[in-house]
Amino acid sequence: MEDDVVPADHNRRLKVFVDHEDVFCSVLGLAEADYECVTVNNPWPEKGLRQGDIIMFCYGQSSGSGDIVLIEEEGQTRLGLQYSPGYLEIPSGTRPLRPSETVVAVGMALGRKLVGN
């Protein structure tokens, strides 16, 4: 097990406010808003996601094909990859969103630690 692995139930999510003075706004072109940062706990190498990556999600945004999304189902949230409206991409192909699933936020930025401490 890697040192940077964050258990799903421990410090995996963090809410932040990014304002016009934040480097993310200027470098990445992010809008001033509240974001939820979620740590990836299951890698998906084919999509370039590594365990420990941090995705900044924004609520109230429209998602499009290929977007990393936050899905809510029965009060629980998890990461997903939107294939097209109403469909998710999964390692074995695609599947429709279930009636109990809702896309609640869209990934706007990805952070990765390049060097260990």
N, C-alpha and C. Protein backbone atom coordinates (compact mmCIF):
# COMPACT_ATOMS: atom_id res chain seq x y z
N MET A 1 0.84 -1.18 0.00
CA MET A 1 0.00 0.00 0.00
C MET A 1 0.88 1.25 0.00
N GLU A 2 0.58 2.22 -0.87
CA GLU A 2 1.37 3.43 -0.97
C GLU A 2 1.11 4.34 0.23
N ASP A 3 2.11 5.19 0.56
CA ASP A 3 1.97 6.12 1.67
C ASP A 3 0.92 7.19 1.41
N ASP A 4 0.70 7.56 0.13
CA ASP A 4 -0.22 8.64 -0.20
C ASP A 4 -1.67 8.17 -0.34
N VAL A 5 -1.94 6.89 -0.15
CA VAL A 5 -3.29 6.38 -0.29
C VAL A 5 -4.15 6.92 0.86
N VAL A 6 -5.29 7.48 0.51
CA VAL A 6 -6.20 8.04 1.51
C VAL A 6 -7.42 7.13 1.60
N PRO A 7 -7.65 6.54 2.78
CA PRO A 7 -8.85 5.71 2.92
C PRO A 7 -10.10 6.51 2.60
N ALA A 8 -11.10 5.85 2.03
CA ALA A 8 -12.33 6.51 1.59
C ALA A 8 -13.03 7.25 2.72
N ASP A 9 -12.90 6.77 3.94
CA ASP A 9 -13.62 7.38 5.05
C ASP A 9 -12.77 8.35 5.87
N HIS A 10 -11.56 8.69 5.40
CA HIS A 10 -10.67 9.53 6.22
C HIS A 10 -10.03 10.64 5.39
N ASN A 11 -10.46 11.87 5.62
CA ASN A 11 -9.87 13.05 4.98
C ASN A 11 -9.81 12.95 3.46
N ARG A 12 -10.77 12.34 2.84
CA ARG A 12 -10.77 12.20 1.39
C ARG A 12 -11.40 13.39 0.69
N ARG A 13 -12.18 14.16 1.43
CA ARG A 13 -12.91 15.29 0.83
C ARG A 13 -12.62 16.55 1.62
N LEU A 14 -12.51 17.65 0.87
CA LEU A 14 -12.22 18.94 1.48
C LEU A 14 -12.93 20.02 0.68
N LYS A 15 -13.63 20.92 1.36
CA LYS A 15 -14.30 22.02 0.67
C LYS A 15 -13.40 23.25 0.75
N VAL A 16 -13.24 23.93 -0.40
CA VAL A 16 -12.40 25.12 -0.46
C VAL A 16 -13.12 26.20 -1.27
N PHE A 17 -12.73 27.46 -1.02
CA PHE A 17 -13.22 28.56 -1.83
C PHE A 17 -12.03 29.11 -2.59
N VAL A 18 -12.16 29.18 -3.90
CA VAL A 18 -11.11 29.72 -4.76
C VAL A 18 -11.55 31.12 -5.18
N ASP A 19 -10.73 32.13 -4.85
CA ASP A 19 -11.09 33.50 -5.24
C ASP A 19 -10.13 34.03 -6.29
N HIS A 20 -10.35 35.27 -6.72
CA HIS A 20 -9.58 35.85 -7.81
C HIS A 20 -8.09 35.98 -7.49
N GLU A 21 -7.69 35.93 -6.22
CA GLU A 21 -6.29 36.02 -5.85
C GLU A 21 -5.60 34.65 -5.83
N ASP A 22 -6.36 33.60 -5.95
CA ASP A 22 -5.80 32.24 -5.88
C ASP A 22 -5.12 31.90 -7.19
N VAL A 23 -4.00 31.21 -7.11
CA VAL A 23 -3.24 30.83 -8.30
C VAL A 23 -4.06 29.95 -9.24
N PHE A 24 -4.98 29.17 -8.71
CA PHE A 24 -5.81 28.32 -9.57
C PHE A 24 -6.67 29.15 -10.52
N CYS A 25 -7.17 30.28 -10.04
CA CYS A 25 -7.98 31.14 -10.91
C CYS A 25 -7.16 31.63 -12.09
N SER A 26 -5.97 32.13 -11.82
CA SER A 26 -5.18 32.72 -12.91
C SER A 26 -4.53 31.68 -13.80
N VAL A 27 -3.95 30.65 -13.25
CA VAL A 27 -3.23 29.65 -14.06
C VAL A 27 -4.17 28.70 -14.79
N LEU A 28 -5.19 28.22 -14.10
CA LEU A 28 -6.10 27.24 -14.70
C LEU A 28 -7.36 27.86 -15.27
N GLY A 29 -7.56 29.13 -15.04
CA GLY A 29 -8.75 29.78 -15.55
C GLY A 29 -10.03 29.37 -14.84
N LEU A 30 -9.91 29.02 -13.57
CA LEU A 30 -11.10 28.62 -12.80
C LEU A 30 -11.89 29.84 -12.37
N ALA A 31 -13.18 29.67 -12.30
CA ALA A 31 -14.05 30.73 -11.81
C ALA A 31 -13.95 30.82 -10.29
N GLU A 32 -14.15 32.01 -9.76
CA GLU A 32 -14.20 32.19 -8.32
C GLU A 32 -15.45 31.46 -7.83
N ALA A 33 -15.28 30.47 -6.96
CA ALA A 33 -16.41 29.65 -6.52
C ALA A 33 -15.98 28.73 -5.38
N ASP A 34 -16.98 28.05 -4.81
CA ASP A 34 -16.72 26.98 -3.85
C ASP A 34 -16.46 25.71 -4.63
N TYR A 35 -15.45 24.96 -4.21
CA TYR A 35 -15.11 23.69 -4.84
C TYR A 35 -15.00 22.61 -3.77
N GLU A 36 -15.27 21.40 -4.18
CA GLU A 36 -15.05 20.27 -3.29
C GLU A 36 -13.90 19.46 -3.89
N CYS A 37 -12.86 19.27 -3.09
CA CYS A 37 -11.70 18.50 -3.54
C CYS A 37 -11.87 17.06 -3.06
N VAL A 38 -11.77 16.11 -3.98
CA VAL A 38 -11.95 14.69 -3.67
C VAL A 38 -10.70 13.95 -4.12
N THR A 39 -10.17 13.12 -3.24
CA THR A 39 -8.98 12.33 -3.55
C THR A 39 -9.38 11.03 -4.21
N VAL A 40 -8.72 10.70 -5.30
CA VAL A 40 -8.97 9.45 -6.04
C VAL A 40 -8.43 8.29 -5.20
N ASN A 41 -9.29 7.31 -4.90
CA ASN A 41 -8.81 6.17 -4.11
C ASN A 41 -8.69 4.89 -4.93
N ASN A 42 -9.17 4.89 -6.16
CA ASN A 42 -8.99 3.74 -7.06
C ASN A 42 -8.45 4.25 -8.39
N PRO A 43 -7.24 3.86 -8.76
CA PRO A 43 -6.66 4.37 -10.01
C PRO A 43 -7.41 3.87 -11.24
N TRP A 44 -7.34 4.65 -12.30
CA TRP A 44 -7.89 4.27 -13.60
C TRP A 44 -6.84 4.69 -14.63
N PRO A 45 -5.79 3.89 -14.78
CA PRO A 45 -4.65 4.27 -15.64
C PRO A 45 -5.04 4.60 -17.08
N GLU A 46 -6.02 3.91 -17.62
CA GLU A 46 -6.44 4.16 -19.01
C GLU A 46 -6.97 5.58 -19.19
N LYS A 47 -7.43 6.19 -18.12
CA LYS A 47 -7.96 7.56 -18.16
C LYS A 47 -7.00 8.56 -17.53
N GLY A 48 -5.82 8.08 -17.14
CA GLY A 48 -4.81 8.97 -16.58
C GLY A 48 -5.01 9.33 -15.12
N LEU A 49 -5.87 8.62 -14.41
CA LEU A 49 -6.11 8.90 -13.00
C LEU A 49 -5.29 7.96 -12.13
N ARG A 50 -4.56 8.56 -11.21
CA ARG A 50 -3.74 7.79 -10.27
C ARG A 50 -4.34 7.88 -8.87
N GLN A 51 -4.08 6.86 -8.10
CA GLN A 51 -4.50 6.88 -6.70
C GLN A 51 -3.78 8.05 -6.03
N GLY A 52 -4.52 8.87 -5.29
CA GLY A 52 -3.95 10.03 -4.63
C GLY A 52 -4.15 11.33 -5.38
N ASP A 53 -4.56 11.27 -6.67
CA ASP A 53 -4.88 12.50 -7.40
C ASP A 53 -6.01 13.23 -6.70
N ILE A 54 -6.04 14.55 -6.83
CA ILE A 54 -7.09 15.36 -6.23
C ILE A 54 -7.86 16.05 -7.34
N ILE A 55 -9.17 15.87 -7.35
CA ILE A 55 -10.03 16.48 -8.35
C ILE A 55 -10.85 17.57 -7.67
N MET A 56 -10.86 18.76 -8.28
CA MET A 56 -11.65 19.88 -7.77
C MET A 56 -13.00 19.88 -8.50
N PHE A 57 -14.07 19.68 -7.74
CA PHE A 57 -15.42 19.64 -8.31
C PHE A 57 -16.16 20.92 -8.02
N CYS A 58 -16.99 21.33 -8.98
CA CYS A 58 -17.85 22.50 -8.81
C CYS A 58 -19.30 22.04 -9.01
N TYR A 59 -20.15 22.41 -8.06
CA TYR A 59 -21.58 22.08 -8.14
C TYR A 59 -22.29 23.06 -9.07
N GLY A 60 -23.39 22.63 -9.66
CA GLY A 60 -24.20 23.51 -10.48
C GLY A 60 -23.67 23.72 -11.89
N GLN A 61 -22.74 22.92 -12.33
CA GLN A 61 -22.18 23.03 -13.67
C GLN A 61 -22.77 21.93 -14.56
N SER A 62 -22.87 22.20 -15.85
CA SER A 62 -23.33 21.19 -16.80
C SER A 62 -22.16 20.31 -17.17
N SER A 63 -22.39 19.02 -17.19
CA SER A 63 -21.32 18.08 -17.55
C SER A 63 -21.43 17.70 -19.02
N GLY A 64 -20.30 17.34 -19.58
CA GLY A 64 -20.25 16.92 -20.98
C GLY A 64 -19.52 15.61 -21.13
N SER A 65 -19.43 15.14 -22.34
CA SER A 65 -18.75 13.88 -22.62
C SER A 65 -17.30 13.95 -22.16
N GLY A 66 -16.87 12.92 -21.45
CA GLY A 66 -15.49 12.82 -20.99
C GLY A 66 -15.20 13.51 -19.68
N ASP A 67 -16.20 14.19 -19.10
CA ASP A 67 -15.98 14.88 -17.82
C ASP A 67 -15.92 13.89 -16.66
N ILE A 68 -15.06 14.20 -15.70
CA ILE A 68 -15.06 13.47 -14.44
C ILE A 68 -16.18 14.10 -13.61
N VAL A 69 -17.05 13.28 -13.07
CA VAL A 69 -18.22 13.79 -12.36
C VAL A 69 -18.32 13.18 -10.97
N LEU A 70 -19.04 13.86 -10.11
CA LEU A 70 -19.36 13.35 -8.79
C LEU A 70 -20.81 12.90 -8.84
N ILE A 71 -21.04 11.65 -8.52
CA ILE A 71 -22.37 11.04 -8.62
C ILE A 71 -22.90 10.79 -7.22
N GLU A 72 -24.16 11.15 -7.03
CA GLU A 72 -24.82 10.89 -5.74
C GLU A 72 -25.85 9.79 -5.93
N GLU A 73 -25.84 8.86 -5.00
CA GLU A 73 -26.82 7.76 -5.00
C GLU A 73 -27.12 7.40 -3.56
N GLU A 74 -28.38 7.55 -3.18
CA GLU A 74 -28.84 7.21 -1.84
C GLU A 74 -27.99 7.86 -0.76
N GLY A 75 -27.68 9.14 -0.94
CA GLY A 75 -26.93 9.88 0.06
C GLY A 75 -25.42 9.69 0.03
N GLN A 76 -24.95 8.79 -0.80
CA GLN A 76 -23.51 8.53 -0.93
C GLN A 76 -23.02 9.15 -2.24
N THR A 77 -21.77 9.61 -2.26
CA THR A 77 -21.20 10.14 -3.50
C THR A 77 -19.97 9.35 -3.89
N ARG A 78 -19.72 9.34 -5.20
CA ARG A 78 -18.55 8.65 -5.74
C ARG A 78 -18.16 9.31 -7.05
N LEU A 79 -16.95 9.03 -7.48
CA LEU A 79 -16.46 9.56 -8.75
C LEU A 79 -16.97 8.73 -9.91
N GLY A 80 -17.11 9.37 -11.05
CA GLY A 80 -17.49 8.67 -12.27
C GLY A 80 -16.96 9.43 -13.46
N LEU A 81 -17.06 8.82 -14.62
CA LEU A 81 -16.64 9.46 -15.86
C LEU A 81 -17.83 9.43 -16.80
N GLN A 82 -18.28 10.62 -17.21
CA GLN A 82 -19.44 10.69 -18.08
C GLN A 82 -19.03 10.36 -19.52
N TYR A 83 -19.71 9.41 -20.10
CA TYR A 83 -19.46 9.04 -21.49
C TYR A 83 -20.22 9.98 -22.42
N SER A 84 -21.48 10.16 -22.12
CA SER A 84 -22.36 11.09 -22.83
C SER A 84 -23.52 11.38 -21.87
N PRO A 85 -24.35 12.38 -22.16
CA PRO A 85 -25.45 12.66 -21.23
C PRO A 85 -26.28 11.40 -20.92
N GLY A 86 -26.38 11.11 -19.63
CA GLY A 86 -27.15 9.94 -19.19
C GLY A 86 -26.39 8.63 -19.18
N TYR A 87 -25.10 8.66 -19.56
CA TYR A 87 -24.30 7.42 -19.61
C TYR A 87 -22.96 7.63 -18.92
N LEU A 88 -22.51 6.60 -18.23
CA LEU A 88 -21.21 6.60 -17.58
C LEU A 88 -20.27 5.65 -18.29
N GLU A 89 -19.00 6.01 -18.28
CA GLU A 89 -17.97 5.11 -18.78
C GLU A 89 -17.46 4.32 -17.60
N ILE A 90 -17.36 3.02 -17.76
CA ILE A 90 -16.84 2.13 -16.73
C ILE A 90 -15.73 1.31 -17.35
N PRO A 91 -14.88 0.68 -16.54
CA PRO A 91 -13.75 -0.07 -17.11
C PRO A 91 -14.14 -1.10 -18.18
N SER A 92 -15.36 -1.65 -18.09
CA SER A 92 -15.76 -2.67 -19.07
C SER A 92 -16.59 -2.10 -20.22
N GLY A 93 -16.72 -0.77 -20.29
CA GLY A 93 -17.51 -0.18 -21.39
C GLY A 93 -18.30 1.03 -20.93
N THR A 94 -19.60 1.04 -21.26
CA THR A 94 -20.48 2.13 -20.83
C THR A 94 -21.74 1.54 -20.22
N ARG A 95 -22.42 2.38 -19.44
CA ARG A 95 -23.72 1.97 -18.91
C ARG A 95 -24.55 3.22 -18.66
N PRO A 96 -25.88 3.07 -18.72
CA PRO A 96 -26.73 4.23 -18.43
C PRO A 96 -26.72 4.55 -16.93
N LEU A 97 -26.94 5.81 -16.62
CA LEU A 97 -27.13 6.18 -15.22
C LEU A 97 -28.37 5.46 -14.71
N ARG A 98 -28.31 4.95 -13.51
CA ARG A 98 -29.48 4.34 -12.90
C ARG A 98 -30.42 5.45 -12.43
N PRO A 99 -31.71 5.16 -12.33
CA PRO A 99 -32.65 6.19 -11.86
C PRO A 99 -32.28 6.75 -10.48
N SER A 100 -31.58 5.96 -9.67
CA SER A 100 -31.19 6.41 -8.32
C SER A 100 -29.91 7.24 -8.32
N GLU A 101 -29.24 7.38 -9.46
CA GLU A 101 -27.98 8.12 -9.55
C GLU A 101 -28.21 9.51 -10.16
N THR A 102 -27.52 10.50 -9.61
CA THR A 102 -27.59 11.86 -10.11
C THR A 102 -26.19 12.45 -10.19
N VAL A 103 -25.86 13.07 -11.31
CA VAL A 103 -24.59 13.79 -11.42
C VAL A 103 -24.79 15.11 -10.68
N VAL A 104 -23.99 15.35 -9.63
CA VAL A 104 -24.18 16.53 -8.79
C VAL A 104 -23.07 17.58 -8.95
N ALA A 105 -21.92 17.19 -9.47
CA ALA A 105 -20.81 18.14 -9.62
C ALA A 105 -19.91 17.68 -10.76
N VAL A 106 -19.17 18.65 -11.31
CA VAL A 106 -18.29 18.38 -12.45
C VAL A 106 -16.86 18.71 -12.05
N GLY A 107 -15.93 17.82 -12.43
CA GLY A 107 -14.52 18.06 -12.18
C GLY A 107 -14.01 19.20 -13.03
N MET A 108 -13.36 20.17 -12.39
CA MET A 108 -12.87 21.36 -13.09
C MET A 108 -11.35 21.40 -13.15
N ALA A 109 -10.67 20.68 -12.24
CA ALA A 109 -9.21 20.70 -12.22
C ALA A 109 -8.73 19.41 -11.54
N LEU A 110 -7.50 19.02 -11.90
CA LEU A 110 -6.89 17.81 -11.36
C LEU A 110 -5.54 18.19 -10.80
N GLY A 111 -5.27 17.77 -9.55
CA GLY A 111 -3.97 18.01 -8.93
C GLY A 111 -3.28 16.69 -8.67
N ARG A 112 -1.96 16.71 -8.82
CA ARG A 112 -1.18 15.49 -8.61
C ARG A 112 0.13 15.86 -7.92
N LYS A 113 0.46 15.12 -6.90
CA LYS A 113 1.73 15.29 -6.21
C LYS A 113 2.80 14.60 -7.05
N LEU A 114 3.78 15.37 -7.50
CA LEU A 114 4.79 14.83 -8.39
C LEU A 114 5.98 14.20 -7.66
N VAL A 115 6.29 14.69 -6.49
CA VAL A 115 7.45 14.20 -5.75
C VAL A 115 7.02 13.87 -4.33
N GLY A 116 7.48 12.74 -3.82
CA GLY A 116 7.16 12.36 -2.44
C GLY A 116 7.96 13.16 -1.44
N ASN A 117 7.53 13.15 -0.20
CA ASN A 117 8.24 13.88 0.86
C ASN A 117 9.37 13.05 1.40
